[in-house]
Each structure stands twice: as structure tokens, then as C-alpha cells.
């Protein structure tokens, strides 16, 4: 149970990083093929949400190293798919993003799959 809690913490930090990055990029604006990196880089470097996102990725990576020292990678990796479910639901709640019925069905399948793997 302790290992599953660590895995879920890693997944939550990874999902949090995605959400923070989305918020940071919404604040910065759309990057197109025509915008140059040197134009956008100052905005990106000074965006607090992007720095928080990087910090969450770092914590997630450190947790993942601990996790992989304790459990099989095939067991732990299955839980990463929960990140999609978390990000989709939080994207809906925080950013008002659209979730289709097909995505909901996919999230149910993901949840079922992770439940089966967790019992193996």
C-alpha cells in the first residue's frame, strides 16, 4: 500500500506539472510557427507557473526513482495512465475544457485497467 501511495503521489505531481504548464502558457499566449523563440523566451523565463511546473516535474522524477527502486516498472508504469484522467478532469474544472463521451468512456477503461493492474 505504501508503494501505491508513492506511485499516486508521483502521478499527482506529474499531472500538476501539466496543469501548471497549461496555466502558464495560457498567460503567455499562443505560440505559433511564426513566433520566434527569442520573442517568447523572456515571457517563458519569467512565468511563475512554468517554474512551478518544472518544480513539480522534478519532484515527480525524484519520486519515480524511489518508486522504481521498489516495484516492477510494468506495475508502476500502468498508474501513469491515471495522469490522463486527472488532467482531463482538472482541465474541465479549471480551464473549462470540453470532455466528450468518448473521453469519459476512455477514462473509465483506464481506471478499470489500473484497478486490474493494482491487484496483480
N, C-alpha and C. Protein backbone atom coordinates (compact mmCIF):
# COMPACT_ATOMS: atom_id res chain seq x y z
N UNK A 1 0.82 -1.20 0.00
CA UNK A 1 0.00 0.00 0.00
C UNK A 1 0.87 1.27 0.00
N UNK A 2 1.99 1.20 0.72
CA UNK A 2 2.90 2.34 0.77
C UNK A 2 3.43 2.67 -0.63
N UNK A 3 3.74 1.62 -1.40
CA UNK A 3 4.26 1.85 -2.75
C UNK A 3 3.20 2.47 -3.65
N UNK A 4 1.97 2.05 -3.51
CA UNK A 4 0.90 2.62 -4.34
C UNK A 4 0.70 4.09 -3.98
N UNK A 5 0.80 4.43 -2.71
CA UNK A 5 0.70 5.84 -2.31
C UNK A 5 1.82 6.67 -2.92
N UNK A 6 3.03 6.12 -2.94
CA UNK A 6 4.15 6.82 -3.58
C UNK A 6 3.90 6.99 -5.08
N UNK A 7 3.41 5.94 -5.71
CA UNK A 7 3.12 6.00 -7.14
C UNK A 7 2.07 7.07 -7.41
N UNK A 8 1.00 7.08 -6.62
CA UNK A 8 -0.05 8.07 -6.82
C UNK A 8 0.46 9.49 -6.58
N UNK A 9 1.35 9.66 -5.61
CA UNK A 9 1.94 10.98 -5.38
C UNK A 9 2.74 11.41 -6.61
N UNK A 10 3.51 10.50 -7.17
CA UNK A 10 4.27 10.81 -8.38
C UNK A 10 3.37 11.19 -9.54
N UNK A 11 2.27 10.45 -9.70
CA UNK A 11 1.31 10.74 -10.76
C UNK A 11 0.67 12.11 -10.54
N UNK A 12 0.33 12.43 -9.30
CA UNK A 12 -0.28 13.72 -8.99
C UNK A 12 0.68 14.89 -9.26
N UNK A 13 1.94 14.72 -8.91
CA UNK A 13 2.91 15.78 -9.21
C UNK A 13 3.09 15.96 -10.71
N UNK A 14 3.10 14.85 -11.44
CA UNK A 14 3.23 14.91 -12.90
C UNK A 14 2.02 15.59 -13.52
N UNK A 15 0.83 15.22 -13.07
CA UNK A 15 -0.40 15.85 -13.58
C UNK A 15 -0.43 17.33 -13.20
N UNK A 16 -0.02 17.63 -11.97
CA UNK A 16 0.03 19.02 -11.54
C UNK A 16 0.96 19.85 -12.41
N UNK A 17 2.08 19.24 -12.80
CA UNK A 17 3.02 19.93 -13.68
C UNK A 17 2.35 20.28 -15.01
N UNK A 18 1.58 19.35 -15.56
CA UNK A 18 0.88 19.61 -16.83
C UNK A 18 -0.11 20.76 -16.69
N UNK A 19 -0.86 20.74 -15.59
CA UNK A 19 -1.87 21.79 -15.37
C UNK A 19 -1.22 23.15 -15.15
N UNK A 20 -0.13 23.18 -14.40
CA UNK A 20 0.59 24.44 -14.19
C UNK A 20 1.19 24.96 -15.49
N UNK A 21 1.69 24.04 -16.32
CA UNK A 21 2.24 24.45 -17.60
C UNK A 21 1.15 25.02 -18.50
N UNK A 22 -0.01 24.38 -18.47
CA UNK A 22 -1.14 24.89 -19.26
C UNK A 22 -1.50 26.31 -18.82
N UNK A 23 -1.59 26.52 -17.52
CA UNK A 23 -1.91 27.85 -16.99
C UNK A 23 -0.86 28.87 -17.41
N UNK A 24 0.41 28.49 -17.28
CA UNK A 24 1.49 29.38 -17.68
C UNK A 24 1.42 29.75 -19.15
N UNK A 25 1.13 28.78 -19.98
CA UNK A 25 1.07 29.06 -21.41
C UNK A 25 -0.17 29.84 -21.80
N UNK A 26 -1.27 29.65 -21.06
CA UNK A 26 -2.45 30.49 -21.30
C UNK A 26 -2.14 31.94 -20.97
N UNK A 27 -1.37 32.15 -19.91
CA UNK A 27 -0.97 33.51 -19.54
C UNK A 27 -0.05 34.14 -20.58
N UNK A 28 0.84 33.34 -21.14
CA UNK A 28 1.80 33.84 -22.13
C UNK A 28 1.12 34.08 -23.48
N UNK A 29 0.30 33.15 -23.88
CA UNK A 29 -0.39 33.26 -25.17
C UNK A 29 0.05 32.18 -26.13
N UNK A 30 -0.61 32.14 -27.22
CA UNK A 30 -0.37 31.12 -28.24
C UNK A 30 1.00 31.30 -28.88
N UNK A 31 1.70 30.20 -29.01
CA UNK A 31 2.97 30.22 -29.73
C UNK A 31 2.69 29.62 -31.10
N UNK A 32 3.02 30.37 -32.12
CA UNK A 32 2.80 29.89 -33.48
C UNK A 32 4.12 29.54 -34.13
N UNK A 33 4.02 28.97 -35.29
CA UNK A 33 5.23 28.65 -36.05
C UNK A 33 5.96 29.92 -36.47
N UNK A 34 5.25 31.04 -36.50
CA UNK A 34 5.84 32.30 -36.94
C UNK A 34 6.49 33.09 -35.79
N UNK A 35 6.14 32.76 -34.56
CA UNK A 35 6.76 33.48 -33.44
C UNK A 35 8.14 32.89 -33.17
N UNK A 36 9.09 33.75 -32.97
CA UNK A 36 10.45 33.26 -32.77
C UNK A 36 10.68 32.93 -31.30
N UNK A 37 11.59 32.04 -31.07
CA UNK A 37 11.92 31.62 -29.71
C UNK A 37 12.44 32.82 -28.91
N UNK A 38 13.24 33.65 -29.55
CA UNK A 38 13.80 34.78 -28.80
C UNK A 38 12.73 35.80 -28.41
N UNK A 39 11.60 35.83 -29.12
CA UNK A 39 10.49 36.70 -28.72
C UNK A 39 9.73 36.13 -27.53
N UNK A 40 9.58 34.83 -27.49
CA UNK A 40 8.77 34.18 -26.45
C UNK A 40 9.59 33.80 -25.21
N UNK A 41 10.87 33.59 -25.38
CA UNK A 41 11.71 33.13 -24.28
C UNK A 41 11.67 34.03 -23.05
N UNK A 42 11.76 35.35 -23.19
CA UNK A 42 11.68 36.19 -21.98
C UNK A 42 10.38 36.01 -21.20
N UNK A 43 9.28 35.89 -21.92
CA UNK A 43 7.99 35.66 -21.27
C UNK A 43 7.98 34.30 -20.55
N UNK A 44 8.55 33.31 -21.20
CA UNK A 44 8.56 31.96 -20.62
C UNK A 44 9.46 31.89 -19.39
N UNK A 45 10.59 32.55 -19.44
CA UNK A 45 11.54 32.52 -18.33
C UNK A 45 10.97 33.20 -17.09
N UNK A 46 10.15 34.20 -17.29
CA UNK A 46 9.61 34.95 -16.15
C UNK A 46 8.22 34.47 -15.71
N UNK A 47 7.72 33.43 -16.32
CA UNK A 47 6.38 32.92 -15.97
C UNK A 47 6.47 32.02 -14.74
N UNK A 48 5.88 32.47 -13.65
CA UNK A 48 5.92 31.72 -12.40
C UNK A 48 5.28 30.34 -12.50
N UNK A 49 4.19 30.25 -13.22
CA UNK A 49 3.52 28.94 -13.35
C UNK A 49 4.40 27.92 -14.07
N UNK A 50 5.19 28.39 -15.02
CA UNK A 50 6.09 27.46 -15.72
C UNK A 50 7.19 26.97 -14.78
N UNK A 51 7.68 27.86 -13.91
CA UNK A 51 8.69 27.43 -12.93
C UNK A 51 8.10 26.43 -11.94
N UNK A 52 6.86 26.68 -11.50
CA UNK A 52 6.20 25.71 -10.62
C UNK A 52 6.00 24.37 -11.32
N UNK A 53 5.71 24.45 -12.60
CA UNK A 53 5.56 23.23 -13.40
C UNK A 53 6.86 22.43 -13.44
N UNK A 54 7.95 23.11 -13.66
CA UNK A 54 9.27 22.45 -13.69
C UNK A 54 9.59 21.84 -12.32
N UNK A 55 9.25 22.55 -11.25
CA UNK A 55 9.48 22.02 -9.91
C UNK A 55 8.66 20.75 -9.68
N UNK A 56 7.42 20.76 -10.12
CA UNK A 56 6.58 19.57 -9.98
C UNK A 56 7.14 18.40 -10.78
N UNK A 57 7.64 18.68 -11.99
CA UNK A 57 8.28 17.62 -12.78
C UNK A 57 9.49 17.05 -12.05
N UNK A 58 10.27 17.93 -11.44
CA UNK A 58 11.45 17.47 -10.70
C UNK A 58 11.07 16.58 -9.53
N UNK A 59 10.07 16.99 -8.76
CA UNK A 59 9.61 16.17 -7.63
C UNK A 59 9.07 14.85 -8.14
N UNK A 60 8.31 14.91 -9.23
CA UNK A 60 7.76 13.69 -9.83
C UNK A 60 8.89 12.73 -10.24
N UNK A 61 9.94 13.27 -10.85
CA UNK A 61 11.06 12.42 -11.28
C UNK A 61 11.77 11.79 -10.08
N UNK A 62 11.97 12.57 -9.02
CA UNK A 62 12.61 12.02 -7.82
C UNK A 62 11.75 10.92 -7.20
N UNK A 63 10.45 11.15 -7.11
CA UNK A 63 9.54 10.12 -6.60
C UNK A 63 9.58 8.88 -7.48
N UNK A 64 9.64 9.10 -8.78
CA UNK A 64 9.66 7.97 -9.71
C UNK A 64 10.91 7.11 -9.52
N UNK A 65 12.02 7.74 -9.21
CA UNK A 65 13.25 6.98 -8.94
C UNK A 65 13.08 6.11 -7.69
N UNK A 66 12.47 6.68 -6.67
CA UNK A 66 12.20 5.91 -5.45
C UNK A 66 11.27 4.75 -5.77
N UNK A 67 10.23 5.03 -6.52
CA UNK A 67 9.24 4.01 -6.88
C UNK A 67 9.89 2.87 -7.65
N UNK A 68 10.69 3.22 -8.66
CA UNK A 68 11.30 2.18 -9.49
C UNK A 68 12.35 1.37 -8.73
N UNK A 69 12.83 1.89 -7.63
CA UNK A 69 13.76 1.10 -6.80
C UNK A 69 13.00 0.07 -5.96
N UNK A 70 11.67 0.20 -5.90
CA UNK A 70 10.86 -0.66 -5.03
C UNK A 70 9.94 -1.63 -5.76
N UNK A 71 9.42 -1.22 -6.93
CA UNK A 71 8.43 -2.06 -7.62
C UNK A 71 8.82 -2.26 -9.08
N UNK A 72 8.20 -3.24 -9.71
CA UNK A 72 8.46 -3.52 -11.12
C UNK A 72 7.96 -2.36 -11.97
N UNK A 73 8.71 -2.03 -13.00
CA UNK A 73 8.35 -0.92 -13.87
C UNK A 73 7.01 -1.18 -14.56
N UNK A 74 6.72 -2.41 -14.93
CA UNK A 74 5.45 -2.70 -15.60
C UNK A 74 4.25 -2.47 -14.68
N UNK A 75 4.45 -2.63 -13.39
CA UNK A 75 3.40 -2.36 -12.41
C UNK A 75 3.23 -0.85 -12.24
N UNK A 76 4.33 -0.16 -11.98
CA UNK A 76 4.27 1.28 -11.71
C UNK A 76 3.82 2.07 -12.93
N UNK A 77 4.30 1.69 -14.09
CA UNK A 77 4.03 2.47 -15.29
C UNK A 77 2.55 2.52 -15.64
N UNK A 78 1.82 1.46 -15.32
CA UNK A 78 0.39 1.43 -15.61
C UNK A 78 -0.35 2.58 -14.91
N UNK A 79 0.14 2.95 -13.73
CA UNK A 79 -0.50 4.02 -12.96
C UNK A 79 -0.35 5.39 -13.61
N UNK A 80 0.67 5.55 -14.45
CA UNK A 80 0.87 6.84 -15.12
C UNK A 80 -0.33 7.21 -15.98
N UNK A 81 -1.05 6.20 -16.45
CA UNK A 81 -2.23 6.50 -17.27
C UNK A 81 -3.30 7.24 -16.49
N UNK A 82 -3.27 7.13 -15.17
CA UNK A 82 -4.21 7.90 -14.34
C UNK A 82 -3.97 9.40 -14.51
N UNK A 83 -2.78 9.76 -14.91
CA UNK A 83 -2.47 11.17 -15.16
C UNK A 83 -3.39 11.76 -16.21
N UNK A 84 -3.71 10.97 -17.23
CA UNK A 84 -4.64 11.46 -18.25
C UNK A 84 -6.00 11.76 -17.65
N UNK A 85 -6.48 10.86 -16.80
CA UNK A 85 -7.79 11.04 -16.18
C UNK A 85 -7.78 12.29 -15.30
N UNK A 86 -6.75 12.43 -14.49
CA UNK A 86 -6.65 13.60 -13.59
C UNK A 86 -6.59 14.89 -14.39
N UNK A 87 -5.73 14.92 -15.40
CA UNK A 87 -5.56 16.14 -16.19
C UNK A 87 -6.84 16.46 -16.96
N UNK A 88 -7.49 15.46 -17.51
CA UNK A 88 -8.74 15.72 -18.25
C UNK A 88 -9.81 16.29 -17.32
N UNK A 89 -9.97 15.70 -16.15
CA UNK A 89 -10.98 16.19 -15.21
C UNK A 89 -10.65 17.59 -14.69
N UNK A 90 -9.39 17.81 -14.36
CA UNK A 90 -8.99 19.12 -13.85
C UNK A 90 -9.01 20.17 -14.96
N UNK A 91 -8.69 19.76 -16.18
CA UNK A 91 -8.80 20.68 -17.32
C UNK A 91 -10.24 21.13 -17.50
N UNK A 92 -11.16 20.22 -17.30
CA UNK A 92 -12.58 20.55 -17.38
C UNK A 92 -12.97 21.52 -16.26
N UNK A 93 -12.54 21.21 -15.04
CA UNK A 93 -12.92 22.02 -13.88
C UNK A 93 -12.23 23.38 -13.83
N UNK A 94 -10.95 23.41 -14.16
CA UNK A 94 -10.17 24.64 -14.02
C UNK A 94 -10.22 25.49 -15.29
N UNK A 95 -10.05 24.87 -16.43
CA UNK A 95 -9.91 25.61 -17.68
C UNK A 95 -11.15 25.56 -18.57
N UNK A 96 -12.19 24.89 -18.07
CA UNK A 96 -13.43 24.79 -18.82
C UNK A 96 -13.26 24.06 -20.16
N UNK A 97 -12.35 23.10 -20.17
CA UNK A 97 -12.10 22.33 -21.39
C UNK A 97 -13.22 21.30 -21.59
N UNK A 98 -13.41 20.94 -22.82
CA UNK A 98 -14.51 20.04 -23.20
C UNK A 98 -14.10 18.57 -22.99
N UNK A 99 -14.99 17.79 -22.42
CA UNK A 99 -14.78 16.34 -22.29
C UNK A 99 -15.93 15.65 -23.01
N UNK A 100 -15.60 14.87 -24.03
CA UNK A 100 -16.61 14.15 -24.80
C UNK A 100 -16.98 12.85 -24.12
N UNK A 101 -18.06 12.26 -24.57
CA UNK A 101 -18.49 10.95 -24.05
C UNK A 101 -17.43 9.88 -24.32
N UNK A 102 -16.80 9.98 -25.46
CA UNK A 102 -15.75 9.02 -25.81
C UNK A 102 -14.60 9.13 -24.82
N UNK A 103 -14.20 10.34 -24.45
CA UNK A 103 -13.13 10.52 -23.46
C UNK A 103 -13.55 9.95 -22.11
N UNK A 104 -14.79 10.18 -21.74
CA UNK A 104 -15.28 9.64 -20.47
C UNK A 104 -15.20 8.12 -20.49
N UNK A 105 -15.61 7.51 -21.59
CA UNK A 105 -15.52 6.05 -21.72
C UNK A 105 -14.06 5.61 -21.62
N UNK A 106 -13.17 6.34 -22.27
CA UNK A 106 -11.75 6.02 -22.19
C UNK A 106 -11.22 6.11 -20.77
N UNK A 107 -11.67 7.13 -20.03
CA UNK A 107 -11.23 7.29 -18.65
C UNK A 107 -11.73 6.14 -17.77
N UNK A 108 -12.95 5.67 -18.05
CA UNK A 108 -13.47 4.51 -17.31
C UNK A 108 -12.62 3.28 -17.62
N UNK A 109 -12.27 3.08 -18.88
CA UNK A 109 -11.41 1.95 -19.25
C UNK A 109 -10.04 2.06 -18.58
N UNK A 110 -9.49 3.26 -18.56
CA UNK A 110 -8.19 3.47 -17.91
C UNK A 110 -8.28 3.11 -16.44
N UNK A 111 -9.31 3.63 -15.78
CA UNK A 111 -9.49 3.33 -14.35
C UNK A 111 -9.64 1.85 -14.09
N UNK A 112 -10.39 1.18 -14.94
CA UNK A 112 -10.56 -0.27 -14.80
C UNK A 112 -9.24 -0.99 -15.00
N UNK A 113 -8.49 -0.57 -15.99
CA UNK A 113 -7.19 -1.19 -16.26
C UNK A 113 -6.23 -1.01 -15.11
N UNK A 114 -6.17 0.18 -14.55
CA UNK A 114 -5.27 0.44 -13.42
C UNK A 114 -5.71 -0.40 -12.21
N UNK A 115 -7.00 -0.51 -12.00
CA UNK A 115 -7.51 -1.33 -10.89
C UNK A 115 -7.07 -2.79 -11.06
N UNK A 116 -7.17 -3.29 -12.27
CA UNK A 116 -6.74 -4.68 -12.53
C UNK A 116 -5.25 -4.86 -12.30
N UNK A 117 -4.46 -3.90 -12.80
CA UNK A 117 -3.01 -3.98 -12.61
C UNK A 117 -2.65 -3.90 -11.14
N UNK A 118 -3.35 -3.04 -10.40
CA UNK A 118 -3.03 -2.87 -8.98
C UNK A 118 -3.29 -4.14 -8.17
N UNK A 119 -4.13 -4.98 -8.69
CA UNK A 119 -4.46 -6.25 -7.99
C UNK A 119 -3.55 -7.40 -8.41
N UNK A 120 -2.65 -7.11 -9.34
CA UNK A 120 -1.77 -8.19 -9.84
C UNK A 120 -0.53 -8.37 -8.98
